[in-house]
């Protein structure tokens, strides 16, 4: 949408300190923050932690980075249209942000709602606390059950876990290649070696890899203004955060080609939700190396979302990619960070919430809670897209291949900044943190999107389209700036059905 879709509401205001912090971490000019106005809605993304403000900041930073790059590339104004002065105006509406941050809950495929979490992906009581498991993918489910030595009956799993310490479950399941994380308070996480490693890094890590010449960006039209038009993005990400980033780059005009290994199917509804604007192909990287190198030779951006080191072993680290494709932007995403003792561990939003103390902070009545959205995934996704856009702008000014790096755990640390630590649910020595009661983990993970409050409904930011997958209802992107795109130009298609080659 553009900032002229609706009259400017009286609630419009200037951005707050969280957007300023995000923009600073991206290396942006602080004077450009004056181009951003926000529409605040008190009912959006209710939580004890500053989820609404953080989500608004992530989207605002992404929209501002898009407007900045768009201003650099904007061609002459068309007849009857006048170019705006400098960077175009950005508008961030809490209603649009809230709808987008639960886009997976708004998705309908021929009227059918998706299933977000599997029965074994949840919190479980242990002998001394709680663990959170993730078993949405069949191979993770099989490894979890093998590590616990039980059937897939939830009651049997609960009985096994109830007799074992949480830390022991965490290590046993991890050793088997599964996913389980012990619930920790913010204070307990702060004392963990991984938290210390994360805290030493900025929210957005950025760097220059070589002295490649400055990028020459062709002019683009303003009807709509597509800042990433003509740029080719190799998408080597899965699940939510990485695909949200590349879905956003596709909205902004990039040719996004997602590559997946043939033997590791994505969850269908998850792929549909994050597949707008992209093409999806299958490629076995070791066996199809020649094909990958051909794609890399014409790529402008490579986005990776696998565990740190997994792609390095295939010669696909940032330095190696820049050596073979000078001028490339390499965007790297992980759960726990590319450093510290947990650098090689798998992770998902729900597990990071449990480990870092977010689930304790949002808990009530002796139970862990969850955020009102997978806010670490979505927020990090928009920050990742913003980091790519800013890297492209910097390349046009200074040259050099670039890398950007983000981690869900670092976004979690940012969300928790300035909050008071609380004890684990069930510890009667302290009351729950003040604030609205959180929904239970299972209910929050599957509930449909609610009204966003303050005069807005989620329906205001939903759209429908036909696709090869059926009739889709979906959440529109919250990234909005003057003359910017209103929607994606193509719906998602079936997973892995496009050829592994660039478009015309």
Protein backbone atom coordinates (compact mmCIF):
# COMPACT_ATOMS: atom_id res chain seq x y z
CA UNK A 1 0.00 0.00 0.00
CA UNK A 2 1.08 3.61 -0.31
CA UNK A 3 0.84 6.40 2.20
CA UNK A 4 -2.06 7.87 0.23
CA UNK A 5 -4.36 4.84 0.63
CA UNK A 6 -6.12 6.33 3.64
CA UNK A 7 -6.29 9.80 5.11
CA UNK A 8 -3.51 10.48 7.58
CA UNK A 9 -5.03 9.66 10.98
CA UNK A 10 -4.72 11.87 13.97
CA UNK A 11 -2.80 9.08 15.69
CA UNK A 12 0.11 9.47 13.25
CA UNK A 13 3.36 10.06 15.09
CA UNK A 14 7.11 10.02 14.68
CA UNK A 15 9.06 6.80 15.26
CA UNK A 16 10.31 5.85 18.68
CA UNK A 17 13.65 4.75 20.12
CA UNK A 18 13.39 1.15 18.89
CA UNK A 19 13.26 2.21 15.26
CA UNK A 20 16.17 4.56 15.89
CA UNK A 21 18.16 1.68 17.39
CA UNK A 22 17.35 -0.66 14.49
CA UNK A 23 18.19 2.00 11.90
CA UNK A 24 21.47 2.77 13.65
CA UNK A 25 22.42 -0.92 13.67
CA UNK A 26 21.77 -0.97 9.92
CA UNK A 27 24.16 1.95 9.44
CA UNK A 28 21.41 4.29 8.30
CA UNK A 29 21.53 8.07 8.33
CA UNK A 30 19.62 9.19 11.46
CA UNK A 31 18.27 12.23 9.62
CA UNK A 32 16.19 9.90 7.44
CA UNK A 33 14.10 8.84 10.45
CA UNK A 34 12.14 12.07 9.98
CA UNK A 35 10.64 10.48 6.82
CA UNK A 36 8.78 7.88 8.93
CA UNK A 37 5.36 8.31 10.50
CA UNK A 38 3.53 5.65 12.45
CA UNK A 39 -0.09 4.80 13.14
CA UNK A 40 -0.23 3.40 16.65
CA UNK A 41 -2.99 0.97 17.62
CA UNK A 42 -3.07 -0.02 21.26
CA UNK A 43 -4.69 -3.40 20.66
CA UNK A 44 -2.04 -4.67 18.25
CA UNK A 45 0.18 -7.58 19.34
CA UNK A 46 -0.60 -7.34 23.08
CA UNK A 47 2.19 -8.63 25.32
CA UNK A 48 4.15 -7.80 28.45
CA UNK A 49 7.31 -7.31 26.42
CA UNK A 50 7.49 -4.45 23.86
CA UNK A 51 6.44 -6.65 20.95
CA UNK A 52 4.34 -4.02 19.18
CA UNK A 53 7.12 -1.43 19.35
CA UNK A 54 9.75 -3.92 18.22
CA UNK A 55 7.64 -5.20 15.32
CA UNK A 56 6.91 -1.62 14.25
CA UNK A 57 10.63 -0.83 14.35
CA UNK A 58 11.59 -3.84 12.22
CA UNK A 59 9.02 -3.05 9.55
CA UNK A 60 9.78 0.67 9.68
CA UNK A 61 13.51 0.07 9.22
CA UNK A 62 12.80 -2.19 6.25
CA UNK A 63 10.45 0.33 4.62
CA UNK A 64 12.92 3.16 5.18
CA UNK A 65 15.77 1.12 3.67
CA UNK A 66 13.53 0.41 0.67
CA UNK A 67 12.60 4.08 0.32
CA UNK A 68 16.26 5.07 0.56
CA UNK A 69 17.33 2.66 -2.19
CA UNK A 70 14.26 3.60 -4.23
CA UNK A 71 15.15 7.29 -4.09
CA UNK A 72 18.60 6.48 -5.43
CA UNK A 73 17.16 4.50 -8.32
CA UNK A 74 14.05 6.55 -9.15
CA UNK A 75 13.94 7.71 -12.75
CA UNK A 76 12.33 10.85 -14.11
CA UNK A 77 8.79 11.52 -12.99
CA UNK A 78 6.02 10.56 -15.35
CA UNK A 79 3.73 13.20 -16.80
CA UNK A 80 1.45 14.48 -14.07
CA UNK A 81 3.62 13.00 -11.29
CA UNK A 82 6.29 14.81 -9.35
CA UNK A 83 9.32 13.25 -7.70
CA UNK A 84 9.38 13.58 -3.93
CA UNK A 85 12.20 15.47 -2.27
CA UNK A 86 14.92 12.95 -1.44
CA UNK A 87 13.91 9.78 0.38
CA UNK A 88 10.21 9.07 0.06
CA UNK A 89 7.79 9.15 2.96
CA UNK A 90 7.35 5.93 4.94
CA UNK A 91 4.19 5.02 6.82
CA UNK A 92 4.05 2.20 9.39
CA UNK A 93 0.59 1.13 10.55
CA UNK A 94 0.43 -1.12 13.60
CA UNK A 95 -2.60 -2.83 12.10
CA UNK A 96 -0.73 -3.86 8.96
CA UNK A 97 2.26 -4.93 11.04
CA UNK A 98 0.14 -7.03 13.38
CA UNK A 99 -1.61 -8.78 10.49
CA UNK A 100 1.70 -9.52 8.75
CA UNK A 101 3.35 -10.85 11.91
CA UNK A 102 0.69 -13.57 12.08
CA UNK A 103 0.41 -14.04 8.32
CA UNK A 104 0.52 -17.81 8.73
CA UNK A 105 -2.69 -17.65 10.78
CA UNK A 106 -4.52 -15.51 8.22
CA UNK A 107 -3.68 -17.81 5.30
CA UNK A 108 -6.58 -19.71 3.77
CA UNK A 109 -6.18 -22.13 0.86
CA UNK A 110 -9.56 -22.68 -0.80
CA UNK A 111 -11.12 -21.77 2.54
CA UNK A 112 -8.97 -24.21 4.54
CA UNK A 113 -6.95 -22.90 7.46
CA UNK A 114 -3.38 -24.22 7.79
CA UNK A 115 -2.06 -26.30 10.66
CA UNK A 116 0.75 -24.31 12.26
CA UNK A 117 2.14 -26.61 14.95
CA UNK A 118 2.30 -30.39 15.22
CA UNK A 119 1.00 -32.16 18.36
CA UNK A 120 4.52 -32.81 19.67
CA UNK A 121 5.64 -29.17 19.24
CA UNK A 122 4.79 -27.70 22.64
CA UNK A 123 5.84 -27.15 26.24
CA UNK A 124 6.10 -30.21 28.51
CA UNK A 125 6.56 -30.48 32.26
CA UNK A 126 9.77 -32.15 33.38
CA UNK A 127 10.98 -33.37 36.76
CA UNK A 128 12.35 -29.93 37.58
CA UNK A 129 10.70 -27.48 35.18
CA UNK A 130 9.71 -27.33 31.53
CA UNK A 131 11.07 -28.06 28.06
CA UNK A 132 9.90 -26.85 24.69
CA UNK A 133 10.08 -29.25 21.76
CA UNK A 134 9.81 -28.67 18.02
CA UNK A 135 8.64 -31.57 15.87
CA UNK A 136 6.82 -30.00 12.92
CA UNK A 137 9.12 -31.68 10.41
CA UNK A 138 8.94 -35.50 10.18
CA UNK A 139 12.71 -35.97 10.61
CA UNK A 140 12.76 -33.83 13.76
CA UNK A 141 9.77 -35.74 15.14
CA UNK A 142 11.50 -39.07 14.50
CA UNK A 143 14.71 -37.93 16.21
CA UNK A 144 12.83 -36.60 19.22
CA UNK A 145 10.98 -39.86 19.73
CA UNK A 146 14.16 -41.91 19.23
CA UNK A 147 15.99 -39.83 21.82
CA UNK A 148 13.16 -40.27 24.34
CA UNK A 149 12.61 -43.93 23.51
CA UNK A 150 8.85 -43.61 23.32
CA UNK A 151 5.92 -43.72 20.92
CA UNK A 152 4.31 -40.67 19.35
CA UNK A 153 1.40 -40.78 21.81
CA UNK A 154 1.47 -37.37 23.57
CA UNK A 155 0.59 -39.00 26.88
CA UNK A 156 3.53 -41.38 26.56
CA UNK A 157 5.86 -38.49 25.70
CA UNK A 158 4.55 -36.52 28.67
CA UNK A 159 5.16 -39.46 31.01
CA UNK A 160 8.77 -39.84 29.87
CA UNK A 161 9.54 -36.15 30.15
CA UNK A 162 7.90 -35.81 33.56
CA UNK A 163 10.54 -38.11 35.03
CA UNK A 164 13.63 -36.42 33.58
CA UNK A 165 15.41 -33.12 34.29
CA UNK A 166 14.94 -30.43 31.66
CA UNK A 167 18.66 -29.91 31.03
CA UNK A 168 19.17 -33.63 30.51
CA UNK A 169 16.33 -33.74 27.98
CA UNK A 170 17.80 -30.76 26.16
CA UNK A 171 21.20 -32.39 25.74
CA UNK A 172 19.88 -35.89 24.98
CA UNK A 173 17.54 -34.72 22.25
CA UNK A 174 20.16 -32.39 20.76
CA UNK A 175 22.69 -35.24 20.63
CA UNK A 176 20.15 -37.26 18.62
CA UNK A 177 19.64 -34.42 16.13
CA UNK A 178 16.27 -33.42 17.56
CA UNK A 179 15.00 -30.18 19.01
CA UNK A 180 14.24 -29.57 22.68
CA UNK A 181 15.19 -26.60 24.84
CA UNK A 182 14.92 -26.20 28.61
CA UNK A 183 12.86 -23.26 29.80
CA UNK A 184 15.06 -20.55 31.31
CA UNK A 185 14.43 -17.24 33.00
CA UNK A 186 16.00 -14.12 31.51
CA UNK A 187 18.53 -14.17 34.35
CA UNK A 188 19.42 -17.83 33.76
CA UNK A 189 19.88 -17.18 30.05
CA UNK A 190 22.00 -14.10 30.73
CA UNK A 191 24.39 -16.35 32.68
CA UNK A 192 24.64 -18.84 29.78
CA UNK A 193 27.76 -18.79 27.60
CA UNK A 194 25.68 -18.50 24.43
CA UNK A 195 23.87 -15.45 25.75
CA UNK A 196 27.22 -13.82 26.52
CA UNK A 197 28.44 -14.53 22.98
CA UNK A 198 25.25 -13.07 21.51
CA UNK A 199 25.39 -9.97 23.71
CA UNK A 200 28.81 -9.04 22.35
CA UNK A 201 27.43 -8.70 18.82
CA UNK A 202 25.34 -5.88 17.34
CA UNK A 203 21.71 -6.42 16.41
CA UNK A 204 22.73 -6.40 12.73
CA UNK A 205 26.29 -7.45 11.88
CA UNK A 206 27.56 -5.83 8.71
CA UNK A 207 30.85 -5.88 6.88
CA UNK A 208 32.75 -5.43 3.64
CA UNK A 209 34.43 -8.47 2.14
CA UNK A 210 36.60 -7.02 -0.65
CA UNK A 211 37.20 -4.02 -2.87
CA UNK A 212 34.81 -4.88 -5.69
CA UNK A 213 33.80 -1.82 -7.74
CA UNK A 214 30.76 0.23 -6.82
CA UNK A 215 27.47 -1.26 -7.91
CA UNK A 216 25.82 0.50 -10.84
CA UNK A 217 22.06 0.57 -10.30
CA UNK A 218 19.88 1.10 -13.34
CA UNK A 219 17.12 3.71 -13.00
CA UNK A 220 13.64 2.43 -12.22
CA UNK A 221 10.20 3.86 -12.80
CA UNK A 222 7.91 5.06 -10.00
CA UNK A 223 4.64 3.38 -11.01
CA UNK A 224 5.18 1.53 -8.73
CA UNK A 225 8.65 2.23 -7.40
CA UNK A 226 10.49 -1.09 -7.04
CA UNK A 227 13.84 -0.51 -5.28
CA UNK A 228 15.05 -4.08 -5.91
CA UNK A 229 13.95 -4.31 -9.55
CA UNK A 230 16.40 -6.21 -11.75
CA UNK A 231 18.28 -7.73 -8.82
CA UNK A 232 18.63 -11.50 -8.56
CA UNK A 233 18.35 -13.16 -5.16
CA UNK A 234 19.34 -16.76 -4.43
CA UNK A 235 17.17 -17.86 -1.51
CA UNK A 236 18.74 -20.69 0.50
CA UNK A 237 16.41 -20.34 3.49
CA UNK A 238 13.62 -22.33 5.10
CA UNK A 239 10.86 -22.00 7.70
CA UNK A 240 9.87 -18.37 8.47
CA UNK A 241 12.48 -15.65 9.08
CA UNK A 242 14.57 -16.13 5.94
CA UNK A 243 11.56 -16.65 3.66
CA UNK A 244 9.91 -13.52 5.13
CA UNK A 245 13.03 -11.56 4.17
CA UNK A 246 13.12 -12.89 0.62
CA UNK A 247 9.33 -12.54 0.28
CA UNK A 248 9.85 -8.85 1.08
CA UNK A 249 12.65 -8.49 -1.47
CA UNK A 250 10.34 -10.09 -4.04
CA UNK A 251 7.65 -7.53 -3.19
CA UNK A 252 10.21 -4.80 -3.90
CA UNK A 253 10.95 -6.14 -7.38
CA UNK A 254 13.74 -8.68 -6.94
CA UNK A 255 13.85 -11.90 -8.96
CA UNK A 256 13.90 -14.39 -6.07
CA UNK A 257 14.75 -18.04 -6.74
CA UNK A 258 14.41 -20.32 -3.75
CA UNK A 259 16.50 -23.49 -3.81
CA UNK A 260 15.76 -26.51 -1.62
CA UNK A 261 17.38 -29.96 -1.40
CA UNK A 262 15.13 -32.57 -3.04
CA UNK A 263 14.94 -34.83 0.01
CA UNK A 264 13.85 -32.18 2.52
CA UNK A 265 10.33 -30.98 1.63
CA UNK A 266 9.06 -27.76 3.19
CA UNK A 267 5.77 -27.78 5.09
CA UNK A 268 3.21 -26.98 2.36
CA UNK A 269 1.23 -24.25 4.13
CA UNK A 270 4.39 -22.63 5.45
CA UNK A 271 5.80 -22.53 1.95
CA UNK A 272 2.58 -21.04 0.61
CA UNK A 273 2.53 -18.25 3.20
CA UNK A 274 6.11 -17.19 2.55
CA UNK A 275 6.28 -18.00 -1.16
CA UNK A 276 4.62 -14.89 -2.59
CA UNK A 277 6.60 -13.28 -5.39
CA UNK A 278 9.14 -16.10 -5.67
CA UNK A 279 9.94 -19.13 -7.75
CA UNK A 280 10.81 -22.43 -6.07
CA UNK A 281 13.26 -25.00 -7.44
CA UNK A 282 15.00 -28.14 -6.20
CA UNK A 283 18.76 -28.53 -6.33
CA UNK A 284 21.09 -30.96 -4.63
CA UNK A 285 24.03 -28.64 -3.98
CA UNK A 286 26.81 -31.26 -3.98
CA UNK A 287 25.52 -33.06 -7.08
CA UNK A 288 24.30 -29.94 -8.87
CA UNK A 289 27.32 -27.77 -8.21
CA UNK A 290 27.72 -26.68 -11.83
CA UNK A 291 24.11 -25.46 -11.89
CA UNK A 292 24.61 -23.60 -8.63
CA UNK A 293 27.76 -21.91 -9.91
CA UNK A 294 25.89 -20.74 -13.00
CA UNK A 295 23.18 -19.26 -10.79
CA UNK A 296 25.74 -17.67 -8.48
CA UNK A 297 27.59 -16.09 -11.40
CA UNK A 298 24.50 -13.99 -12.17
CA UNK A 299 23.27 -13.46 -8.59
CA UNK A 300 23.34 -10.10 -6.81
CA UNK A 301 22.30 -11.39 -3.37
CA UNK A 302 22.59 -14.78 -1.64
CA UNK A 303 20.47 -15.30 1.48
CA UNK A 304 21.25 -18.33 3.67
CA UNK A 305 19.28 -19.66 6.62
CA UNK A 306 20.97 -22.95 7.43
CA UNK A 307 23.09 -23.55 10.51
CA UNK A 308 26.39 -21.64 10.57
CA UNK A 309 29.07 -23.88 9.11
CA UNK A 310 26.69 -26.17 7.23
CA UNK A 311 27.10 -24.17 4.01
CA UNK A 312 30.72 -23.28 4.76
CA UNK A 313 31.59 -26.96 4.33
CA UNK A 314 30.26 -26.70 0.80
CA UNK A 315 32.30 -23.61 0.04
CA UNK A 316 29.26 -21.38 0.42
CA UNK A 317 30.44 -19.10 3.22
CA UNK A 318 30.41 -15.34 2.70
CA UNK A 319 34.11 -15.03 1.84
CA UNK A 320 34.03 -17.98 -0.55
CA UNK A 321 30.95 -16.69 -2.34
CA UNK A 322 32.44 -13.21 -2.71
CA UNK A 323 35.65 -14.68 -4.09
CA UNK A 324 33.73 -16.41 -6.87
CA UNK A 325 31.13 -13.65 -7.35
CA UNK A 326 32.73 -10.26 -6.54
CA UNK A 327 30.12 -7.65 -5.67
CA UNK A 328 27.66 -10.10 -4.14
CA UNK A 329 25.71 -9.34 -0.96
CA UNK A 330 25.63 -12.36 1.37
CA UNK A 331 22.90 -12.31 4.02
CA UNK A 332 23.22 -14.93 6.76
CA UNK A 333 20.55 -15.91 9.26
CA UNK A 334 20.69 -18.34 12.18
CA UNK A 335 18.79 -19.16 15.35
CA UNK A 336 21.52 -18.88 17.97
CA UNK A 337 24.24 -16.91 16.17
CA UNK A 338 27.36 -17.83 14.23
CA UNK A 339 29.46 -17.88 17.42
CA UNK A 340 29.47 -19.34 20.91
CA UNK A 341 28.87 -22.92 22.10
CA UNK A 342 25.43 -23.14 20.49
CA UNK A 343 26.51 -21.83 17.08
CA UNK A 344 26.05 -25.24 15.47
CA UNK A 345 22.65 -25.97 16.97
CA UNK A 346 19.37 -25.99 15.14
CA UNK A 347 16.69 -23.68 16.41
CA UNK A 348 13.33 -22.11 15.78
CA UNK A 349 11.47 -19.06 17.08
CA UNK A 350 9.55 -21.06 19.71
CA UNK A 351 12.76 -22.62 21.07
CA UNK A 352 14.55 -19.28 21.25
CA UNK A 353 11.60 -17.83 23.16
CA UNK A 354 11.90 -20.67 25.68
CA UNK A 355 15.67 -20.53 26.12
CA UNK A 356 16.08 -16.76 26.39
CA UNK A 357 13.46 -16.12 29.07
CA UNK A 358 10.76 -14.70 26.81
CA UNK A 359 8.40 -17.58 27.62
CA UNK A 360 8.87 -16.92 31.34
CA UNK A 361 8.29 -13.20 30.91
CA UNK A 362 5.05 -13.91 29.03
CA UNK A 363 3.93 -16.72 31.34
CA UNK A 364 1.18 -16.69 33.93
CA UNK A 365 -0.60 -18.99 36.39
CA UNK A 366 2.46 -21.19 36.78
CA UNK A 367 2.82 -21.88 33.07
CA UNK A 368 5.20 -20.60 30.39
CA UNK A 369 3.70 -18.32 27.78
CA UNK A 370 4.44 -17.23 24.24
CA UNK A 371 4.53 -14.02 22.29
CA UNK A 372 1.36 -13.07 20.40
CA UNK A 373 3.20 -13.86 17.15
CA UNK A 374 6.36 -15.57 16.02
CA UNK A 375 7.81 -12.13 16.43
CA UNK A 376 11.46 -13.21 16.47
CA UNK A 377 11.01 -14.86 13.08
CA UNK A 378 9.03 -12.09 11.45
CA UNK A 379 10.97 -9.24 13.05
CA UNK A 380 14.33 -10.73 12.12
CA UNK A 381 13.05 -11.38 8.60
CA UNK A 382 12.21 -7.72 8.03
CA UNK A 383 15.53 -6.65 9.56
CA UNK A 384 17.35 -9.07 7.26
CA UNK A 385 15.61 -7.62 4.21
CA UNK A 386 16.46 -4.12 5.47
CA UNK A 387 20.12 -5.10 5.89
CA UNK A 388 20.26 -6.35 2.29
CA UNK A 389 18.70 -3.14 0.98
CA UNK A 390 21.12 -0.98 2.99
CA UNK A 391 24.06 -3.09 1.78
CA UNK A 392 22.97 -2.48 -1.82
CA UNK A 393 22.78 1.26 -1.15
CA UNK A 394 26.24 1.26 0.43
CA UNK A 395 27.63 -0.73 -2.49
CA UNK A 396 26.37 1.90 -4.90
CA UNK A 397 28.28 4.51 -2.90
CA UNK A 398 31.44 2.70 -1.85
CA UNK A 399 31.65 -0.65 -3.66
CA UNK A 400 32.78 -3.90 -2.09
CA UNK A 401 31.13 -7.27 -1.66
CA UNK A 402 29.11 -7.21 1.57
CA UNK A 403 27.86 -9.51 4.28
CA UNK A 404 25.06 -9.01 6.78
CA UNK A 405 24.32 -11.40 9.64
CA UNK A 406 21.40 -11.71 12.04
CA UNK A 407 20.29 -14.22 14.68
CA UNK A 408 16.95 -14.87 16.34
CA UNK A 409 18.69 -15.00 19.73
CA UNK A 410 20.11 -11.51 19.19
CA UNK A 411 16.68 -10.18 18.25
CA UNK A 412 15.37 -11.82 21.43
CA UNK A 413 18.02 -10.03 23.48
CA UNK A 414 16.92 -6.74 21.94
CA UNK A 415 13.28 -7.48 22.77
CA UNK A 416 14.23 -8.21 26.38
CA UNK A 417 16.34 -5.08 26.84
CA UNK A 418 15.29 -3.09 29.88
CA UNK A 419 12.84 -5.71 31.20
CA UNK A 420 12.95 -7.01 34.76
CA UNK A 421 13.98 -10.68 35.13
CA UNK A 422 11.37 -13.08 36.45
CA UNK A 423 11.54 -16.57 37.88
CA UNK A 424 10.34 -19.66 36.11
CA UNK A 425 6.62 -20.52 36.14
CA UNK A 426 5.70 -22.55 39.21
CA UNK A 427 8.24 -20.81 41.46
CA UNK A 428 5.98 -19.50 44.24
CA UNK A 429 8.63 -17.12 45.57
CA UNK A 430 7.63 -14.46 43.07
CA UNK A 431 4.51 -13.37 41.29
CA UNK A 432 4.22 -13.21 37.53
CA UNK A 433 5.43 -10.03 35.90
CA UNK A 434 2.75 -7.33 35.66
CA UNK A 435 0.82 -7.01 32.45
CA UNK A 436 -1.92 -8.71 30.48
CA UNK A 437 -2.13 -12.47 30.85
CA UNK A 438 -0.65 -14.38 27.93
CA UNK A 439 -2.55 -17.07 26.15
CA UNK A 440 -1.32 -20.60 26.65
CA UNK A 441 1.39 -21.81 24.31
CA UNK A 442 -0.83 -24.21 22.45
CA UNK A 443 -3.73 -21.79 22.05
CA UNK A 444 -1.55 -18.89 20.99
CA UNK A 445 0.23 -20.98 18.39
CA UNK A 446 -2.96 -21.93 16.60
CA UNK A 447 -5.41 -19.10 17.23
CA UNK A 448 -6.60 -17.11 14.23
CA UNK A 449 -5.55 -13.49 13.92
CA UNK A 450 -7.60 -11.14 16.04
CA UNK A 451 -8.75 -7.59 15.51
CA UNK A 452 -5.91 -5.17 15.99
CA UNK A 453 -7.88 -2.64 18.01
CA UNK A 454 -7.95 1.15 17.98
CA UNK A 455 -10.33 1.26 15.04
CA UNK A 456 -8.60 -1.34 12.89
CA UNK A 457 -9.47 -4.89 11.89
CA UNK A 458 -7.13 -7.51 10.48
CA UNK A 459 -9.45 -7.71 7.47
CA UNK A 460 -8.24 -4.26 6.43
CA UNK A 461 -4.85 -5.76 5.53
CA UNK A 462 -5.92 -9.02 3.91
CA UNK A 463 -6.31 -9.81 0.22
CA UNK A 464 -7.28 -12.74 -2.00
CA UNK A 465 -5.90 -14.16 -5.22
CA UNK A 466 -6.10 -17.25 -7.40
CA UNK A 467 -3.06 -19.48 -7.70
CA UNK A 468 -1.96 -22.92 -8.81
CA UNK A 469 -2.53 -23.94 -5.19
CA UNK A 470 -6.13 -22.69 -5.13
CA UNK A 471 -7.85 -19.55 -3.97
CA UNK A 472 -5.65 -17.87 -1.37
CA UNK A 473 -6.48 -15.42 1.38
CA UNK A 474 -3.34 -13.81 2.75
CA UNK A 475 -1.91 -10.85 4.65
CA UNK A 476 -0.49 -8.05 2.54
CA UNK A 477 2.99 -6.75 3.25
CA UNK A 478 3.23 -3.99 5.90
CA UNK A 479 6.18 -2.37 4.06
CA UNK A 480 4.74 0.93 2.82
CA UNK A 481 6.29 4.06 1.29
CA UNK A 482 5.21 6.65 -1.26
CA UNK A 483 4.80 5.15 -4.75
CA UNK A 484 5.81 1.73 -3.39
CA UNK A 485 4.25 -1.59 -4.42
CA UNK A 486 0.87 -2.52 -3.01
CA UNK A 487 1.17 -6.28 -3.43
CA UNK A 488 3.21 -9.09 -4.92
CA UNK A 489 3.07 -9.55 -8.67
CA UNK A 490 2.80 -13.33 -8.50
CA UNK A 491 1.23 -15.80 -6.05
CA UNK A 492 3.17 -18.72 -4.61
CA UNK A 493 3.34 -21.94 -6.56
CA UNK A 494 3.85 -25.55 -5.51
CA UNK A 495 7.11 -26.29 -3.74
CA UNK A 496 10.04 -27.16 -5.96
CA UNK A 497 8.23 -27.07 -9.32
CA UNK A 498 10.15 -24.25 -11.05
CA UNK A 499 13.35 -24.81 -13.06
CA UNK A 500 16.64 -23.97 -11.33
CA UNK A 501 17.44 -21.02 -13.56
CA UNK A 502 16.96 -17.27 -13.58
CA UNK A 503 13.95 -15.69 -15.25
CA UNK A 504 14.22 -13.79 -18.50
